[in-house]
């Protein structure tokens, strides 16, 4: 016998077919969106501090909000892959491993581009590197390992949505 761990996958014969996996709403609302909202808010604050004029970039200019969206899109790629793999009965057991692999590759990619091309500070590449590493770790512990309680997830969802709406209309307001 092989010493490799064997996984048993059991499918119910008469179960209803669903396009989305069971518990998909809970994964999105209590794991994915709160962590992305927290990442977005932390990115906006970090970028505003890095730019020098915190109050200006936080409340009167949409640059930090746009750059924060790029960071959130960057760190959400492994999380989306995790959601897809975790929802599949065939690949649920490798979802955590694939998250670690993709997050590690993305950290290596941004670190190499930061160290190899330091003069090309395209869209705040230094901030991407500084913010993406802790965000991948944060996403791993709060997203992959355990679900957030409802007391924390709903306010984080609301804060992230409000920041997204404010970022979209900040140049119109001021």
N, C-alpha and C. Protein backbone atom coordinates (compact mmCIF):
# COMPACT_ATOMS: atom_id res chain seq x y z
N UNK A 1 0.83 -1.18 0.00
CA UNK A 1 0.00 0.00 0.00
C UNK A 1 0.88 1.25 0.00
N UNK A 2 0.38 2.23 -0.60
CA UNK A 2 1.06 3.51 -0.65
C UNK A 2 0.86 4.25 0.67
N UNK A 3 1.86 5.04 1.07
CA UNK A 3 1.76 5.81 2.31
C UNK A 3 1.08 7.15 2.07
N UNK A 4 0.70 7.42 0.84
CA UNK A 4 0.01 8.66 0.50
C UNK A 4 -1.42 8.61 1.05
N UNK A 5 -1.86 9.74 1.60
CA UNK A 5 -3.20 9.79 2.17
C UNK A 5 -4.25 9.64 1.09
N UNK A 6 -5.21 8.76 1.33
CA UNK A 6 -6.29 8.51 0.38
C UNK A 6 -7.52 9.28 0.81
N UNK A 7 -8.19 9.90 -0.13
CA UNK A 7 -9.40 10.66 0.15
C UNK A 7 -10.60 9.92 -0.42
N UNK A 8 -11.67 9.89 0.34
CA UNK A 8 -12.91 9.27 -0.11
C UNK A 8 -13.90 10.37 -0.41
N UNK A 9 -14.42 10.37 -1.61
CA UNK A 9 -15.40 11.36 -2.03
C UNK A 9 -16.74 10.65 -2.18
N UNK A 10 -17.73 11.12 -1.43
CA UNK A 10 -19.05 10.50 -1.48
C UNK A 10 -20.04 11.50 -2.07
N UNK A 11 -20.73 11.05 -3.08
CA UNK A 11 -21.76 11.87 -3.72
C UNK A 11 -23.11 11.23 -3.47
N UNK A 12 -24.11 12.04 -3.14
CA UNK A 12 -25.47 11.54 -2.94
C UNK A 12 -26.11 11.30 -4.29
N UNK A 13 -26.74 10.15 -4.45
CA UNK A 13 -27.33 9.80 -5.74
C UNK A 13 -28.56 10.65 -6.09
N UNK A 14 -29.41 10.86 -5.14
CA UNK A 14 -30.66 11.56 -5.43
C UNK A 14 -30.64 13.01 -4.96
N UNK A 15 -29.49 13.57 -4.78
CA UNK A 15 -29.39 14.96 -4.33
C UNK A 15 -29.72 15.90 -5.49
N UNK A 16 -30.22 17.08 -5.12
CA UNK A 16 -30.53 18.08 -6.14
C UNK A 16 -29.25 18.63 -6.73
N UNK A 17 -29.32 18.96 -8.02
CA UNK A 17 -28.18 19.58 -8.67
C UNK A 17 -28.20 21.08 -8.41
N UNK A 18 -27.06 21.62 -8.09
CA UNK A 18 -26.93 23.05 -7.85
C UNK A 18 -25.76 23.58 -8.67
N UNK A 19 -25.95 24.77 -9.21
CA UNK A 19 -24.85 25.40 -9.93
C UNK A 19 -23.78 25.84 -8.94
N UNK A 20 -24.21 26.44 -7.84
CA UNK A 20 -23.30 26.90 -6.80
C UNK A 20 -23.19 25.83 -5.73
N UNK A 21 -22.02 25.69 -5.12
CA UNK A 21 -21.86 24.67 -4.07
C UNK A 21 -22.67 25.03 -2.82
N UNK A 22 -22.90 24.03 -2.00
CA UNK A 22 -23.62 24.26 -0.75
C UNK A 22 -22.77 25.16 0.15
N UNK A 23 -23.42 26.13 0.78
CA UNK A 23 -22.70 27.05 1.64
C UNK A 23 -21.99 28.16 0.90
N UNK A 24 -22.28 28.33 -0.39
CA UNK A 24 -21.60 29.36 -1.18
C UNK A 24 -21.91 30.76 -0.65
N UNK A 25 -23.17 31.01 -0.26
CA UNK A 25 -23.55 32.31 0.28
C UNK A 25 -22.77 32.62 1.55
N UNK A 26 -22.63 31.62 2.43
CA UNK A 26 -21.87 31.84 3.67
C UNK A 26 -20.40 32.10 3.38
N UNK A 27 -19.84 31.40 2.41
CA UNK A 27 -18.43 31.62 2.07
C UNK A 27 -18.23 33.03 1.53
N UNK A 28 -19.13 33.48 0.67
CA UNK A 28 -18.99 34.81 0.08
C UNK A 28 -19.23 35.90 1.13
N UNK A 29 -20.32 35.79 1.87
CA UNK A 29 -20.72 36.87 2.80
C UNK A 29 -19.89 36.88 4.07
N UNK A 30 -19.53 35.72 4.59
CA UNK A 30 -18.83 35.67 5.88
C UNK A 30 -17.33 35.45 5.76
N UNK A 31 -16.83 35.20 4.57
CA UNK A 31 -15.38 35.02 4.39
C UNK A 31 -14.81 35.97 3.35
N UNK A 32 -15.33 35.89 2.14
CA UNK A 32 -14.71 36.60 1.01
C UNK A 32 -14.88 38.11 1.09
N UNK A 33 -16.11 38.58 1.16
CA UNK A 33 -16.35 40.03 1.15
C UNK A 33 -15.81 40.77 2.37
N UNK A 34 -15.93 40.24 3.61
CA UNK A 34 -15.35 40.98 4.73
C UNK A 34 -13.84 41.13 4.65
N UNK A 35 -13.18 40.08 4.21
CA UNK A 35 -11.72 40.15 4.11
C UNK A 35 -11.30 41.10 3.00
N UNK A 36 -12.03 41.08 1.87
CA UNK A 36 -11.72 42.02 0.80
C UNK A 36 -12.04 43.46 1.22
N UNK A 37 -13.10 43.65 1.99
CA UNK A 37 -13.42 44.98 2.48
C UNK A 37 -12.34 45.49 3.42
N UNK A 38 -11.90 44.63 4.32
CA UNK A 38 -10.82 45.01 5.24
C UNK A 38 -9.54 45.30 4.46
N UNK A 39 -9.26 44.50 3.44
CA UNK A 39 -8.08 44.74 2.61
C UNK A 39 -8.19 46.06 1.86
N UNK A 40 -9.37 46.37 1.36
CA UNK A 40 -9.58 47.62 0.62
C UNK A 40 -9.40 48.83 1.53
N UNK A 41 -9.98 48.77 2.72
CA UNK A 41 -9.86 49.90 3.65
C UNK A 41 -8.41 50.06 4.11
N UNK A 42 -7.74 48.95 4.41
CA UNK A 42 -6.33 49.03 4.82
C UNK A 42 -5.46 49.55 3.68
N UNK A 43 -5.77 49.18 2.45
CA UNK A 43 -5.01 49.67 1.30
C UNK A 43 -5.21 51.16 1.11
N UNK A 44 -6.43 51.63 1.25
CA UNK A 44 -6.71 53.07 1.10
C UNK A 44 -5.96 53.86 2.15
N UNK A 45 -5.99 53.41 3.40
CA UNK A 45 -5.30 54.11 4.47
C UNK A 45 -3.79 54.08 4.25
N UNK A 46 -3.25 52.91 3.87
CA UNK A 46 -1.81 52.80 3.62
C UNK A 46 -1.34 53.65 2.46
N UNK A 47 -2.10 53.69 1.40
CA UNK A 47 -1.73 54.50 0.23
C UNK A 47 -1.83 55.98 0.57
N UNK A 48 -2.86 56.37 1.32
CA UNK A 48 -3.00 57.78 1.70
C UNK A 48 -1.85 58.23 2.59
N UNK A 49 -1.42 57.39 3.50
CA UNK A 49 -0.27 57.71 4.35
C UNK A 49 1.00 57.77 3.52
N UNK A 50 1.17 56.85 2.58
CA UNK A 50 2.36 56.81 1.74
C UNK A 50 2.47 58.02 0.83
N UNK A 51 1.35 58.54 0.37
CA UNK A 51 1.37 59.70 -0.53
C UNK A 51 1.83 60.97 0.17
N UNK A 52 1.70 61.04 1.49
CA UNK A 52 2.19 62.20 2.22
C UNK A 52 1.07 63.07 2.78
N UNK A 53 0.11 63.41 2.01
CA UNK A 53 -1.01 64.24 2.47
C UNK A 53 -2.19 63.32 2.77
N UNK A 54 -2.25 62.81 3.99
CA UNK A 54 -3.22 61.78 4.34
C UNK A 54 -4.66 62.25 4.13
N UNK A 55 -5.01 63.40 4.67
CA UNK A 55 -6.40 63.85 4.60
C UNK A 55 -6.82 64.19 3.17
N UNK A 56 -5.90 64.72 2.38
CA UNK A 56 -6.23 65.04 1.00
C UNK A 56 -6.54 63.78 0.20
N UNK A 57 -5.63 62.79 0.26
CA UNK A 57 -5.82 61.56 -0.52
C UNK A 57 -6.91 60.66 0.07
N UNK A 58 -7.21 60.82 1.35
CA UNK A 58 -8.24 60.01 1.97
C UNK A 58 -9.64 60.54 1.68
N UNK A 59 -9.79 61.86 1.60
CA UNK A 59 -11.13 62.42 1.52
C UNK A 59 -11.40 63.27 0.29
N UNK A 60 -10.38 63.69 -0.46
CA UNK A 60 -10.63 64.60 -1.57
C UNK A 60 -10.13 64.12 -2.92
N UNK A 61 -9.40 63.03 -2.96
CA UNK A 61 -8.87 62.54 -4.22
C UNK A 61 -9.14 61.05 -4.33
N UNK A 62 -9.45 60.59 -5.52
CA UNK A 62 -9.80 59.18 -5.70
C UNK A 62 -8.60 58.30 -6.06
N UNK A 63 -7.39 58.83 -6.05
CA UNK A 63 -6.21 58.05 -6.41
C UNK A 63 -6.03 56.86 -5.48
N UNK A 64 -6.13 57.07 -4.19
CA UNK A 64 -5.94 55.99 -3.22
C UNK A 64 -7.03 54.92 -3.38
N UNK A 65 -8.23 55.35 -3.69
CA UNK A 65 -9.33 54.40 -3.86
C UNK A 65 -9.14 53.54 -5.11
N UNK A 66 -8.65 54.15 -6.17
CA UNK A 66 -8.39 53.40 -7.41
C UNK A 66 -7.23 52.43 -7.22
N UNK A 67 -6.15 52.90 -6.60
CA UNK A 67 -5.01 52.01 -6.35
C UNK A 67 -5.39 50.90 -5.38
N UNK A 68 -6.27 51.18 -4.43
CA UNK A 68 -6.75 50.16 -3.51
C UNK A 68 -7.52 49.07 -4.22
N UNK A 69 -8.27 49.45 -5.26
CA UNK A 69 -8.98 48.44 -6.06
C UNK A 69 -8.00 47.50 -6.76
N UNK A 70 -6.90 48.06 -7.28
CA UNK A 70 -5.90 47.20 -7.92
C UNK A 70 -5.31 46.21 -6.92
N UNK A 71 -5.04 46.68 -5.71
CA UNK A 71 -4.47 45.79 -4.69
C UNK A 71 -5.48 44.70 -4.31
N UNK A 72 -6.75 45.09 -4.14
CA UNK A 72 -7.77 44.11 -3.79
C UNK A 72 -7.95 43.09 -4.91
N UNK A 73 -7.93 43.53 -6.15
CA UNK A 73 -8.01 42.58 -7.26
C UNK A 73 -6.81 41.64 -7.27
N UNK A 74 -5.64 42.18 -6.96
CA UNK A 74 -4.41 41.37 -6.94
C UNK A 74 -4.49 40.30 -5.86
N UNK A 75 -4.89 40.65 -4.65
CA UNK A 75 -4.90 39.67 -3.57
C UNK A 75 -6.12 38.76 -3.60
N UNK A 76 -7.13 39.08 -4.41
CA UNK A 76 -8.32 38.23 -4.44
C UNK A 76 -8.20 37.05 -5.39
N UNK A 77 -7.19 37.03 -6.23
CA UNK A 77 -7.05 35.92 -7.19
C UNK A 77 -6.91 34.57 -6.48
N UNK A 78 -6.00 34.40 -5.52
CA UNK A 78 -5.94 33.10 -4.83
C UNK A 78 -7.21 32.79 -4.05
N UNK A 79 -7.87 33.83 -3.53
CA UNK A 79 -9.10 33.60 -2.78
C UNK A 79 -10.22 33.09 -3.68
N UNK A 80 -10.31 33.62 -4.89
CA UNK A 80 -11.32 33.16 -5.84
C UNK A 80 -11.05 31.71 -6.24
N UNK A 81 -9.79 31.39 -6.47
CA UNK A 81 -9.42 30.00 -6.79
C UNK A 81 -9.77 29.09 -5.61
N UNK A 82 -9.53 29.57 -4.37
CA UNK A 82 -9.87 28.78 -3.19
C UNK A 82 -11.37 28.52 -3.13
N UNK A 83 -12.19 29.54 -3.39
CA UNK A 83 -13.65 29.38 -3.36
C UNK A 83 -14.09 28.35 -4.39
N UNK A 84 -13.54 28.41 -5.59
CA UNK A 84 -13.91 27.46 -6.63
C UNK A 84 -13.49 26.03 -6.28
N UNK A 85 -12.27 25.88 -5.75
CA UNK A 85 -11.80 24.54 -5.40
C UNK A 85 -12.49 24.01 -4.15
N UNK A 86 -12.77 24.88 -3.20
CA UNK A 86 -13.41 24.46 -1.96
C UNK A 86 -14.86 24.02 -2.20
N UNK A 87 -15.50 24.59 -3.19
CA UNK A 87 -16.87 24.21 -3.51
C UNK A 87 -16.99 22.94 -4.30
N UNK A 88 -15.91 22.46 -4.86
CA UNK A 88 -15.93 21.24 -5.65
C UNK A 88 -15.68 20.03 -4.75
N UNK A 89 -16.52 19.00 -4.83
CA UNK A 89 -16.27 17.82 -3.99
C UNK A 89 -15.01 17.06 -4.40
N UNK A 90 -14.59 17.22 -5.64
CA UNK A 90 -13.40 16.50 -6.11
C UNK A 90 -12.09 17.16 -5.66
N UNK A 91 -12.11 18.48 -5.46
CA UNK A 91 -10.86 19.20 -5.19
C UNK A 91 -10.85 19.94 -3.86
N UNK A 92 -11.81 19.65 -2.99
CA UNK A 92 -11.91 20.36 -1.71
C UNK A 92 -10.67 20.14 -0.85
N UNK A 93 -10.08 18.96 -0.92
CA UNK A 93 -8.94 18.64 -0.07
C UNK A 93 -7.66 19.34 -0.51
N UNK A 94 -7.60 19.90 -1.71
CA UNK A 94 -6.39 20.58 -2.16
C UNK A 94 -6.56 22.10 -2.24
N UNK A 95 -7.71 22.62 -1.80
CA UNK A 95 -7.97 24.05 -1.91
C UNK A 95 -6.98 24.86 -1.08
N UNK A 96 -6.68 24.43 0.15
CA UNK A 96 -5.74 25.17 0.99
C UNK A 96 -4.33 25.17 0.40
N UNK A 97 -3.91 24.03 -0.12
CA UNK A 97 -2.59 23.94 -0.73
C UNK A 97 -2.47 24.87 -1.94
N UNK A 98 -3.51 24.90 -2.77
CA UNK A 98 -3.47 25.77 -3.94
C UNK A 98 -3.48 27.24 -3.55
N UNK A 99 -4.18 27.60 -2.45
CA UNK A 99 -4.13 28.98 -1.99
C UNK A 99 -2.69 29.35 -1.60
N UNK A 100 -2.04 28.47 -0.85
CA UNK A 100 -0.66 28.75 -0.43
C UNK A 100 0.27 28.87 -1.63
N UNK A 101 0.11 27.99 -2.60
CA UNK A 101 0.97 28.01 -3.79
C UNK A 101 0.76 29.30 -4.59
N UNK A 102 -0.49 29.65 -4.87
CA UNK A 102 -0.77 30.86 -5.66
C UNK A 102 -0.36 32.13 -4.93
N UNK A 103 -0.63 32.20 -3.65
CA UNK A 103 -0.22 33.38 -2.88
C UNK A 103 1.30 33.50 -2.85
N UNK A 104 1.99 32.38 -2.68
CA UNK A 104 3.46 32.41 -2.69
C UNK A 104 4.01 32.85 -4.04
N UNK A 105 3.43 32.35 -5.12
CA UNK A 105 3.89 32.76 -6.45
C UNK A 105 3.63 34.24 -6.71
N UNK A 106 2.49 34.73 -6.23
CA UNK A 106 2.19 36.15 -6.43
C UNK A 106 3.10 37.04 -5.59
N UNK A 107 3.45 36.59 -4.39
CA UNK A 107 4.40 37.35 -3.56
C UNK A 107 5.77 37.35 -4.21
N UNK A 108 6.20 36.22 -4.72
CA UNK A 108 7.50 36.15 -5.40
C UNK A 108 7.50 37.04 -6.64
N UNK A 109 6.41 37.03 -7.40
CA UNK A 109 6.32 37.85 -8.60
C UNK A 109 6.43 39.33 -8.28
N UNK A 110 5.68 39.79 -7.29
CA UNK A 110 5.71 41.22 -6.97
C UNK A 110 7.03 41.59 -6.29
N UNK A 111 7.63 40.66 -5.53
CA UNK A 111 8.92 40.95 -4.91
C UNK A 111 10.01 41.05 -5.97
N UNK A 112 10.00 40.15 -6.94
CA UNK A 112 11.00 40.22 -8.00
C UNK A 112 10.84 41.48 -8.84
N UNK A 113 9.61 41.85 -9.14
CA UNK A 113 9.42 43.08 -9.92
C UNK A 113 9.81 44.30 -9.10
N UNK A 114 9.61 44.25 -7.80
CA UNK A 114 10.01 45.36 -6.94
C UNK A 114 11.53 45.48 -6.85
N UNK A 115 12.22 44.34 -6.70
CA UNK A 115 13.67 44.38 -6.56
C UNK A 115 14.40 44.51 -7.89
N UNK A 116 13.86 43.95 -8.96
CA UNK A 116 14.53 44.03 -10.25
C UNK A 116 14.32 45.38 -10.94
N UNK A 117 13.16 45.99 -10.71
CA UNK A 117 12.84 47.27 -11.36
C UNK A 117 12.42 48.31 -10.31
N UNK A 118 13.34 48.72 -9.43
CA UNK A 118 12.93 49.66 -8.38
C UNK A 118 12.63 51.06 -8.92
N UNK A 119 13.21 51.41 -10.05
CA UNK A 119 12.97 52.74 -10.59
C UNK A 119 11.61 52.86 -11.28
N UNK A 120 11.01 51.73 -11.63
CA UNK A 120 9.72 51.75 -12.31
C UNK A 120 8.62 51.63 -11.25
N UNK A 121 8.33 52.73 -10.60
CA UNK A 121 7.31 52.72 -9.56
C UNK A 121 5.95 52.91 -10.22
N UNK A 122 5.53 51.89 -10.96
CA UNK A 122 4.29 51.95 -11.72
C UNK A 122 3.12 51.78 -10.77
N UNK A 123 2.26 52.77 -10.71
CA UNK A 123 1.07 52.75 -9.87
C UNK A 123 1.38 52.38 -8.43
N UNK A 124 2.49 52.84 -7.91
CA UNK A 124 2.81 52.59 -6.51
C UNK A 124 3.20 51.15 -6.24
N UNK A 125 4.10 50.59 -7.04
CA UNK A 125 4.48 49.19 -6.91
C UNK A 125 5.05 48.88 -5.53
N UNK A 126 5.73 49.84 -4.93
CA UNK A 126 6.27 49.62 -3.59
C UNK A 126 5.14 49.40 -2.58
N UNK A 127 4.07 50.16 -2.71
CA UNK A 127 2.94 49.99 -1.81
C UNK A 127 2.28 48.63 -2.04
N UNK A 128 2.22 48.19 -3.28
CA UNK A 128 1.64 46.87 -3.58
C UNK A 128 2.43 45.79 -2.85
N UNK A 129 3.75 45.89 -2.91
CA UNK A 129 4.58 44.88 -2.27
C UNK A 129 4.42 44.93 -0.75
N UNK A 130 4.40 46.11 -0.20
CA UNK A 130 4.30 46.24 1.25
C UNK A 130 2.93 45.78 1.75
N UNK A 131 1.89 46.07 1.01
CA UNK A 131 0.54 45.72 1.45
C UNK A 131 0.12 44.30 1.10
N UNK A 132 0.62 43.75 0.00
CA UNK A 132 0.11 42.45 -0.44
C UNK A 132 0.58 41.30 0.44
N UNK A 133 1.77 41.35 0.97
CA UNK A 133 2.26 40.24 1.80
C UNK A 133 1.42 40.08 3.07
N UNK A 134 1.19 41.16 3.86
CA UNK A 134 0.32 40.96 5.03
C UNK A 134 -1.12 40.64 4.67
N UNK A 135 -1.59 41.13 3.53
CA UNK A 135 -2.96 40.83 3.14
C UNK A 135 -3.14 39.36 2.77
N UNK A 136 -2.14 38.76 2.13
CA UNK A 136 -2.22 37.32 1.84
C UNK A 136 -2.27 36.51 3.14
N UNK A 137 -1.47 36.91 4.12
CA UNK A 137 -1.48 36.22 5.42
C UNK A 137 -2.82 36.43 6.12
N UNK A 138 -3.32 37.65 6.09
CA UNK A 138 -4.62 37.96 6.70
C UNK A 138 -5.73 37.16 6.04
N UNK A 139 -5.73 37.11 4.73
CA UNK A 139 -6.74 36.34 4.00
C UNK A 139 -6.62 34.86 4.35
N UNK A 140 -5.41 34.36 4.50
CA UNK A 140 -5.24 32.95 4.82
C UNK A 140 -5.87 32.62 6.18
N UNK A 141 -5.61 33.44 7.19
CA UNK A 141 -6.11 33.12 8.52
C UNK A 141 -7.61 33.37 8.67
N UNK A 142 -8.12 34.45 8.08
CA UNK A 142 -9.53 34.75 8.25
C UNK A 142 -10.41 34.19 7.14
N UNK A 143 -9.83 33.81 6.04
CA UNK A 143 -10.61 33.34 4.91
C UNK A 143 -10.52 31.83 4.77
N UNK A 144 -9.32 31.33 4.71
CA UNK A 144 -9.13 29.91 4.47
C UNK A 144 -9.31 29.09 5.76
N UNK A 145 -8.75 29.56 6.86
CA UNK A 145 -8.76 28.77 8.08
C UNK A 145 -10.10 28.78 8.81
N UNK A 146 -10.69 29.95 9.01
CA UNK A 146 -11.91 30.01 9.80
C UNK A 146 -12.83 31.10 9.28
N UNK A 147 -14.09 30.95 9.54
CA UNK A 147 -15.10 31.90 9.10
C UNK A 147 -15.20 33.03 10.13
N UNK A 148 -15.46 34.24 9.66
CA UNK A 148 -15.64 35.37 10.56
C UNK A 148 -17.02 35.32 11.19
N UNK A 149 -17.15 35.78 12.43
CA UNK A 149 -18.50 35.83 13.01
C UNK A 149 -19.35 36.88 12.32
N UNK A 150 -20.67 36.70 12.41
CA UNK A 150 -21.58 37.64 11.75
C UNK A 150 -21.45 39.04 12.31
N UNK A 151 -21.09 39.15 13.58
CA UNK A 151 -20.93 40.46 14.22
C UNK A 151 -19.82 41.25 13.54
N UNK A 152 -18.80 40.58 13.04
CA UNK A 152 -17.69 41.26 12.37
C UNK A 152 -17.86 41.34 10.87
N UNK A 153 -18.52 40.35 10.27
CA UNK A 153 -18.58 40.31 8.81
C UNK A 153 -19.52 41.35 8.22
N UNK A 154 -20.67 41.56 8.80
CA UNK A 154 -21.61 42.52 8.23
C UNK A 154 -21.11 43.97 8.30
N UNK A 155 -20.54 44.42 9.43
CA UNK A 155 -19.98 45.78 9.43
C UNK A 155 -18.82 45.96 8.46
N UNK A 156 -17.97 44.94 8.33
CA UNK A 156 -16.87 45.03 7.38
C UNK A 156 -17.39 45.10 5.94
N UNK A 157 -18.43 44.33 5.63
CA UNK A 157 -19.04 44.41 4.30
C UNK A 157 -19.59 45.80 4.04
N UNK A 158 -20.25 46.38 5.04
CA UNK A 158 -20.83 47.72 4.88
C UNK A 158 -19.74 48.77 4.73
N UNK A 159 -18.66 48.67 5.51
CA UNK A 159 -17.56 49.64 5.39
C UNK A 159 -16.88 49.56 4.03
N UNK A 160 -16.65 48.35 3.55
CA UNK A 160 -16.04 48.19 2.23
C UNK A 160 -16.92 48.73 1.12
N UNK A 161 -18.22 48.47 1.21
CA UNK A 161 -19.15 48.97 0.20
C UNK A 161 -19.22 50.50 0.24
N UNK A 162 -19.26 51.07 1.43
CA UNK A 162 -19.28 52.53 1.56
C UNK A 162 -17.99 53.15 1.01
N UNK A 163 -16.85 52.52 1.28
CA UNK A 163 -15.59 53.03 0.75
C UNK A 163 -15.56 52.94 -0.77
N UNK A 164 -16.12 51.89 -1.33
CA UNK A 164 -16.18 51.73 -2.78
C UNK A 164 -17.07 52.81 -3.40
N UNK A 165 -18.21 53.05 -2.81
CA UNK A 165 -19.12 54.08 -3.33
C UNK A 165 -18.50 55.47 -3.16
N UNK A 166 -17.90 55.74 -2.01
CA UNK A 166 -17.28 57.05 -1.79
C UNK A 166 -16.12 57.27 -2.77
N UNK A 167 -15.32 56.21 -3.01
CA UNK A 167 -14.22 56.32 -3.97
C UNK A 167 -14.69 56.58 -5.37
N UNK A 168 -15.86 56.07 -5.72
CA UNK A 168 -16.40 56.27 -7.07
C UNK A 168 -16.89 57.71 -7.27
N UNK A 169 -17.36 58.34 -6.20
CA UNK A 169 -17.95 59.66 -6.33
C UNK A 169 -17.15 60.77 -5.68
N UNK A 170 -15.94 60.49 -5.18
CA UNK A 170 -15.17 61.52 -4.47
C UNK A 170 -14.76 62.68 -5.38
N UNK A 171 -14.45 62.40 -6.62
CA UNK A 171 -14.06 63.49 -7.54
C UNK A 171 -15.27 64.31 -7.97
N UNK A 172 -16.44 63.72 -7.93
CA UNK A 172 -17.65 64.47 -8.28
C UNK A 172 -18.05 65.40 -7.14
N UNK A 173 -17.84 64.91 -5.90
CA UNK A 173 -18.24 65.69 -4.72
C UNK A 173 -17.33 66.90 -4.53
N UNK A 174 -16.03 66.70 -4.64
CA UNK A 174 -15.08 67.80 -4.38
C UNK A 174 -14.60 68.41 -5.67
